[in-house]
């Protein structure tokens, strides 16, 4: 019975002349699958990059707005002081206050963490 099945399988196999065609089709199928996977990967990476760019642009806009607001507050303080002092003294006082605030913030944050090095 087993011999009968083997002989029936031998009849359904293509002749040896079709092996190059089968190999060509197999290679073509693998290449098509790889192309599809590459296209899917490209699409997903493109979407991730687009999201990152959008969030970076939004963050940049927010940082710009905060900087402009801080500058407006600094100039408002300068012009407020200018009502009682000359303009150069107003700029000097506000500059010193900003340096003092920056020094306090740096001291509050502590030392900068070191990067690992081969010491």
N, C-alpha and C. Protein backbone atom coordinates (compact mmCIF):
# COMPACT_ATOMS: atom_id res chain seq x y z
N UNK A 1 0.82 -1.18 0.00
CA UNK A 1 0.00 0.00 0.00
C UNK A 1 0.87 1.26 0.00
N UNK A 2 1.97 1.20 0.78
CA UNK A 2 2.86 2.34 0.83
C UNK A 2 3.52 2.55 -0.52
N UNK A 3 3.82 1.47 -1.23
CA UNK A 3 4.45 1.60 -2.54
C UNK A 3 3.51 2.27 -3.51
N UNK A 4 2.23 2.00 -3.37
CA UNK A 4 1.26 2.60 -4.27
C UNK A 4 1.19 4.11 -4.07
N UNK A 5 1.27 4.56 -2.82
CA UNK A 5 1.23 6.00 -2.54
C UNK A 5 2.47 6.68 -3.08
N UNK A 6 3.61 6.06 -2.93
CA UNK A 6 4.84 6.65 -3.43
C UNK A 6 4.79 6.79 -4.95
N UNK A 7 4.30 5.79 -5.60
CA UNK A 7 4.22 5.88 -7.06
C UNK A 7 3.25 6.95 -7.50
N UNK A 8 2.17 7.16 -6.74
CA UNK A 8 1.23 8.21 -7.11
C UNK A 8 1.84 9.59 -6.88
N UNK A 9 2.69 9.71 -5.85
CA UNK A 9 3.37 10.98 -5.59
C UNK A 9 4.36 11.25 -6.70
N UNK A 10 5.07 10.23 -7.14
CA UNK A 10 6.04 10.41 -8.20
C UNK A 10 5.38 10.89 -9.48
N UNK A 11 4.18 10.48 -9.71
CA UNK A 11 3.48 10.91 -10.93
C UNK A 11 3.07 12.37 -10.87
N UNK A 12 2.78 12.92 -9.66
CA UNK A 12 2.33 14.30 -9.56
C UNK A 12 3.49 15.29 -9.55
N UNK A 13 4.71 14.83 -9.25
CA UNK A 13 5.85 15.74 -9.28
C UNK A 13 6.16 16.13 -10.72
N UNK A 14 6.54 17.38 -10.92
CA UNK A 14 6.89 17.80 -12.28
C UNK A 14 8.21 17.18 -12.70
N UNK A 15 8.44 17.08 -13.96
CA UNK A 15 9.72 16.54 -14.43
C UNK A 15 10.88 17.45 -14.02
N UNK A 16 12.09 16.96 -14.10
CA UNK A 16 13.27 17.72 -13.67
C UNK A 16 13.44 19.02 -14.44
N UNK A 17 12.89 19.11 -15.61
CA UNK A 17 13.04 20.33 -16.40
C UNK A 17 12.28 21.50 -15.77
N UNK A 18 11.30 21.24 -14.87
CA UNK A 18 10.53 22.31 -14.24
C UNK A 18 11.16 22.82 -12.95
N UNK A 19 12.23 22.20 -12.46
CA UNK A 19 12.85 22.66 -11.23
C UNK A 19 13.36 24.11 -11.33
N UNK A 20 13.96 24.53 -12.39
CA UNK A 20 14.36 25.94 -12.47
C UNK A 20 13.18 26.89 -12.37
N UNK A 21 12.06 26.50 -12.96
CA UNK A 21 10.86 27.34 -12.88
C UNK A 21 10.36 27.41 -11.44
N UNK A 22 10.36 26.26 -10.76
CA UNK A 22 9.92 26.25 -9.37
C UNK A 22 10.84 27.08 -8.48
N UNK A 23 12.12 26.96 -8.71
CA UNK A 23 13.08 27.76 -7.92
C UNK A 23 12.89 29.24 -8.20
N UNK A 24 12.67 29.57 -9.47
CA UNK A 24 12.44 30.97 -9.84
C UNK A 24 11.20 31.51 -9.14
N UNK A 25 10.13 30.73 -9.13
CA UNK A 25 8.89 31.16 -8.46
C UNK A 25 9.11 31.31 -6.96
N UNK A 26 9.85 30.38 -6.36
CA UNK A 26 10.11 30.46 -4.92
C UNK A 26 10.92 31.72 -4.59
N UNK A 27 11.95 31.99 -5.39
CA UNK A 27 12.76 33.19 -5.18
C UNK A 27 11.91 34.44 -5.39
N UNK A 28 11.06 34.41 -6.41
CA UNK A 28 10.18 35.54 -6.67
C UNK A 28 9.22 35.77 -5.51
N UNK A 29 8.67 34.68 -4.97
CA UNK A 29 7.76 34.80 -3.82
C UNK A 29 8.48 35.37 -2.60
N UNK A 30 9.69 34.89 -2.34
CA UNK A 30 10.46 35.40 -1.20
C UNK A 30 10.79 36.88 -1.40
N UNK A 31 11.16 37.24 -2.62
CA UNK A 31 11.48 38.64 -2.90
C UNK A 31 10.24 39.52 -2.72
N UNK A 32 9.09 39.04 -3.16
CA UNK A 32 7.84 39.80 -3.00
C UNK A 32 7.49 39.96 -1.52
N UNK A 33 7.68 38.90 -0.74
CA UNK A 33 7.41 38.98 0.69
C UNK A 33 8.35 39.98 1.36
N UNK A 34 9.63 39.93 0.99
CA UNK A 34 10.59 40.87 1.56
C UNK A 34 10.27 42.31 1.18
N UNK A 35 9.85 42.52 -0.08
CA UNK A 35 9.45 43.86 -0.50
C UNK A 35 8.26 44.36 0.30
N UNK A 36 7.29 43.49 0.51
CA UNK A 36 6.10 43.88 1.27
C UNK A 36 6.46 44.21 2.72
N UNK A 37 7.32 43.40 3.32
CA UNK A 37 7.75 43.66 4.69
C UNK A 37 8.53 44.97 4.77
N UNK A 38 9.37 45.23 3.79
CA UNK A 38 10.13 46.48 3.77
C UNK A 38 9.20 47.68 3.63
N UNK A 39 8.17 47.53 2.80
CA UNK A 39 7.21 48.62 2.63
C UNK A 39 6.42 48.86 3.91
N UNK A 40 6.03 47.79 4.60
CA UNK A 40 5.33 47.94 5.88
C UNK A 40 6.23 48.62 6.90
N UNK A 41 7.50 48.21 6.95
CA UNK A 41 8.45 48.82 7.88
C UNK A 41 8.66 50.29 7.56
N UNK A 42 8.78 50.61 6.28
CA UNK A 42 8.96 52.00 5.87
C UNK A 42 7.76 52.83 6.26
N UNK A 43 6.56 52.30 6.09
CA UNK A 43 5.36 53.03 6.44
C UNK A 43 5.29 53.28 7.94
N UNK A 44 5.59 52.27 8.74
CA UNK A 44 5.51 52.44 10.19
C UNK A 44 6.60 53.38 10.70
N UNK A 45 7.81 53.28 10.13
CA UNK A 45 8.87 54.20 10.53
C UNK A 45 8.53 55.62 10.11
N UNK A 46 7.98 55.78 8.93
CA UNK A 46 7.58 57.10 8.46
C UNK A 46 6.54 57.73 9.37
N UNK A 47 5.57 56.94 9.81
CA UNK A 47 4.54 57.46 10.71
C UNK A 47 5.15 57.85 12.06
N UNK A 48 6.08 57.03 12.57
CA UNK A 48 6.71 57.35 13.85
C UNK A 48 7.55 58.62 13.75
N UNK A 49 8.27 58.77 12.65
CA UNK A 49 9.07 59.99 12.45
C UNK A 49 8.17 61.21 12.34
N UNK A 50 7.05 61.06 11.64
CA UNK A 50 6.12 62.18 11.49
C UNK A 50 5.57 62.61 12.85
N UNK A 51 5.24 61.63 13.72
CA UNK A 51 4.75 61.96 15.06
C UNK A 51 5.83 62.68 15.87
N UNK A 52 7.07 62.22 15.77
CA UNK A 52 8.16 62.85 16.51
C UNK A 52 8.40 64.28 16.02
N UNK A 53 8.33 64.48 14.73
CA UNK A 53 8.51 65.83 14.18
C UNK A 53 7.40 66.74 14.65
N UNK A 54 6.17 66.24 14.65
CA UNK A 54 5.04 67.05 15.10
C UNK A 54 5.19 67.44 16.56
N UNK A 55 5.59 66.48 17.40
CA UNK A 55 5.77 66.80 18.82
C UNK A 55 6.95 67.75 19.03
N UNK A 56 8.01 67.61 18.24
CA UNK A 56 9.15 68.51 18.36
C UNK A 56 8.78 69.93 17.95
N UNK A 57 8.00 70.06 16.90
CA UNK A 57 7.57 71.38 16.46
C UNK A 57 6.66 72.02 17.52
N UNK A 58 5.76 71.23 18.09
CA UNK A 58 4.88 71.75 19.14
C UNK A 58 5.68 72.20 20.35
N UNK A 59 6.67 71.39 20.74
CA UNK A 59 7.52 71.76 21.87
C UNK A 59 8.32 73.03 21.56
N UNK A 60 8.81 73.15 20.34
CA UNK A 60 9.56 74.34 19.94
C UNK A 60 8.69 75.59 20.01
N UNK A 61 7.44 75.47 19.59
CA UNK A 61 6.52 76.60 19.64
C UNK A 61 6.27 77.00 21.10
N UNK A 62 6.07 76.01 21.96
CA UNK A 62 5.82 76.31 23.39
C UNK A 62 7.04 76.97 24.01
N UNK A 63 8.23 76.46 23.71
CA UNK A 63 9.46 77.06 24.24
C UNK A 63 9.61 78.49 23.73
N UNK A 64 9.31 78.73 22.48
CA UNK A 64 9.37 80.09 21.93
C UNK A 64 8.40 81.03 22.63
N UNK A 65 7.19 80.56 22.90
CA UNK A 65 6.21 81.39 23.59
C UNK A 65 6.68 81.70 25.01
N UNK A 66 7.25 80.71 25.70
CA UNK A 66 7.74 80.94 27.06
C UNK A 66 8.90 81.94 27.05
N UNK A 67 9.78 81.84 26.08
CA UNK A 67 10.91 82.78 25.99
C UNK A 67 10.43 84.20 25.74
N UNK A 68 9.48 84.34 24.84
CA UNK A 68 8.94 85.68 24.57
C UNK A 68 8.25 86.23 25.81
N UNK A 69 7.49 85.40 26.52
CA UNK A 69 6.84 85.85 27.76
C UNK A 69 7.84 86.26 28.81
N UNK A 70 8.93 85.49 28.94
CA UNK A 70 9.97 85.82 29.92
C UNK A 70 10.65 87.14 29.54
N UNK A 71 10.91 87.33 28.26
CA UNK A 71 11.51 88.60 27.83
C UNK A 71 10.60 89.78 28.11
N UNK A 72 9.31 89.59 27.87
CA UNK A 72 8.35 90.67 28.17
C UNK A 72 8.36 91.01 29.66
N UNK A 73 8.42 90.00 30.51
CA UNK A 73 8.48 90.26 31.95
C UNK A 73 9.77 90.97 32.34
N UNK A 74 10.89 90.59 31.73
CA UNK A 74 12.16 91.24 32.02
C UNK A 74 12.10 92.71 31.60
N UNK A 75 11.61 92.98 30.41
CA UNK A 75 11.52 94.37 29.96
C UNK A 75 10.52 95.17 30.78
N UNK A 76 9.45 94.53 31.23
CA UNK A 76 8.50 95.21 32.10
C UNK A 76 9.16 95.60 33.41
N UNK A 77 9.97 94.69 33.98
CA UNK A 77 10.68 95.02 35.22
C UNK A 77 11.68 96.14 35.00
N UNK A 78 12.35 96.13 33.85
CA UNK A 78 13.32 97.19 33.55
C UNK A 78 12.61 98.53 33.44
N UNK A 79 11.53 98.58 32.72
CA UNK A 79 10.83 99.85 32.54
C UNK A 79 10.15 100.32 33.83
N UNK A 80 9.77 99.37 34.69
CA UNK A 80 9.24 99.75 35.99
C UNK A 80 10.33 100.41 36.82
N UNK A 81 11.51 99.82 36.84
CA UNK A 81 12.63 100.42 37.56
C UNK A 81 13.07 101.74 36.92
N UNK A 82 12.88 101.89 35.63
CA UNK A 82 13.29 103.10 34.92
C UNK A 82 12.48 104.32 35.37
N UNK A 83 11.36 104.11 35.98
CA UNK A 83 10.59 105.25 36.48
C UNK A 83 11.33 105.95 37.61
N UNK A 84 12.18 105.22 38.37
CA UNK A 84 12.89 105.82 39.49
C UNK A 84 14.40 105.90 39.24
N UNK A 85 14.92 105.13 38.32
CA UNK A 85 16.36 105.07 38.08
C UNK A 85 16.64 105.29 36.59
N UNK A 86 17.90 105.66 36.26
CA UNK A 86 18.26 105.74 34.84
C UNK A 86 18.15 104.35 34.19
N UNK A 87 18.03 104.34 32.88
CA UNK A 87 17.80 103.09 32.15
C UNK A 87 18.96 102.11 32.33
N UNK A 88 20.19 102.57 32.32
CA UNK A 88 21.33 101.67 32.45
C UNK A 88 21.34 100.99 33.81
N UNK A 89 20.91 101.70 34.86
CA UNK A 89 20.85 101.09 36.18
C UNK A 89 19.72 100.06 36.26
N UNK A 90 18.63 100.33 35.58
CA UNK A 90 17.52 99.38 35.56
C UNK A 90 17.94 98.08 34.89
N UNK A 91 18.64 98.19 33.75
CA UNK A 91 19.14 97.00 33.08
C UNK A 91 20.14 96.25 33.96
N UNK A 92 21.01 96.99 34.64
CA UNK A 92 22.00 96.36 35.52
C UNK A 92 21.36 95.62 36.67
N UNK A 93 20.37 96.22 37.30
CA UNK A 93 19.71 95.56 38.43
C UNK A 93 18.99 94.30 37.98
N UNK A 94 18.26 94.39 36.88
CA UNK A 94 17.54 93.21 36.39
C UNK A 94 18.52 92.13 35.95
N UNK A 95 19.63 92.51 35.33
CA UNK A 95 20.64 91.54 34.94
C UNK A 95 21.25 90.83 36.15
N UNK A 96 21.55 91.60 37.20
CA UNK A 96 22.10 90.99 38.41
C UNK A 96 21.10 90.04 39.06
N UNK A 97 19.84 90.43 39.08
CA UNK A 97 18.80 89.56 39.65
C UNK A 97 18.69 88.27 38.85
N UNK A 98 18.76 88.37 37.53
CA UNK A 98 18.68 87.16 36.70
C UNK A 98 19.90 86.26 36.92
N UNK A 99 21.09 86.83 37.05
CA UNK A 99 22.27 86.03 37.35
C UNK A 99 22.15 85.36 38.72
N UNK A 100 21.62 86.06 39.70
CA UNK A 100 21.42 85.50 41.02
C UNK A 100 20.43 84.34 40.97
N UNK A 101 19.33 84.52 40.25
CA UNK A 101 18.34 83.45 40.11
C UNK A 101 18.96 82.25 39.40
N UNK A 102 19.74 82.48 38.35
CA UNK A 102 20.39 81.38 37.65
C UNK A 102 21.37 80.62 38.54
N UNK A 103 22.12 81.35 39.37
CA UNK A 103 23.07 80.71 40.29
C UNK A 103 22.33 79.88 41.33
N UNK A 104 21.25 80.42 41.85
CA UNK A 104 20.46 79.67 42.84
C UNK A 104 19.86 78.42 42.22
N UNK A 105 19.34 78.53 41.00
CA UNK A 105 18.78 77.36 40.32
C UNK A 105 19.84 76.30 40.08
N UNK A 106 21.03 76.71 39.67
CA UNK A 106 22.10 75.75 39.42
C UNK A 106 22.53 75.06 40.71
N UNK A 107 22.61 75.82 41.80
CA UNK A 107 22.98 75.23 43.09
C UNK A 107 21.89 74.30 43.59
N UNK A 108 20.65 74.62 43.32
CA UNK A 108 19.54 73.79 43.77
C UNK A 108 19.52 72.46 43.03
N UNK A 109 19.83 72.48 41.73
CA UNK A 109 19.81 71.26 40.95
C UNK A 109 20.94 70.31 41.31
N UNK A 110 21.99 70.81 41.91
CA UNK A 110 23.09 69.96 42.33
C UNK A 110 24.12 69.81 41.23
N UNK A 111 25.13 69.00 41.50
CA UNK A 111 26.21 68.82 40.50
C UNK A 111 25.69 68.08 39.28
N UNK A 112 26.31 68.39 38.20
CA UNK A 112 25.95 67.75 36.92
C UNK A 112 26.39 66.30 36.96
N UNK A 113 25.52 65.34 36.58
CA UNK A 113 25.94 63.93 36.62
C UNK A 113 27.05 63.67 35.62
N UNK A 114 28.04 62.89 36.05
CA UNK A 114 29.15 62.56 35.18
C UNK A 114 28.76 61.44 34.23
N UNK A 115 29.38 61.49 33.09
CA UNK A 115 29.20 60.38 32.17
C UNK A 115 30.22 59.31 32.54
N UNK A 116 29.90 58.07 32.25
CA UNK A 116 30.82 56.99 32.55
C UNK A 116 32.04 57.08 31.65
N UNK A 117 33.18 57.00 32.26
CA UNK A 117 34.42 57.05 31.48
C UNK A 117 35.37 55.98 32.00
N UNK A 118 36.36 55.68 31.22
CA UNK A 118 37.33 54.65 31.60
C UNK A 118 38.46 55.31 32.36
N UNK A 119 38.23 55.66 33.60
CA UNK A 119 39.25 56.31 34.42
C UNK A 119 39.99 55.29 35.24
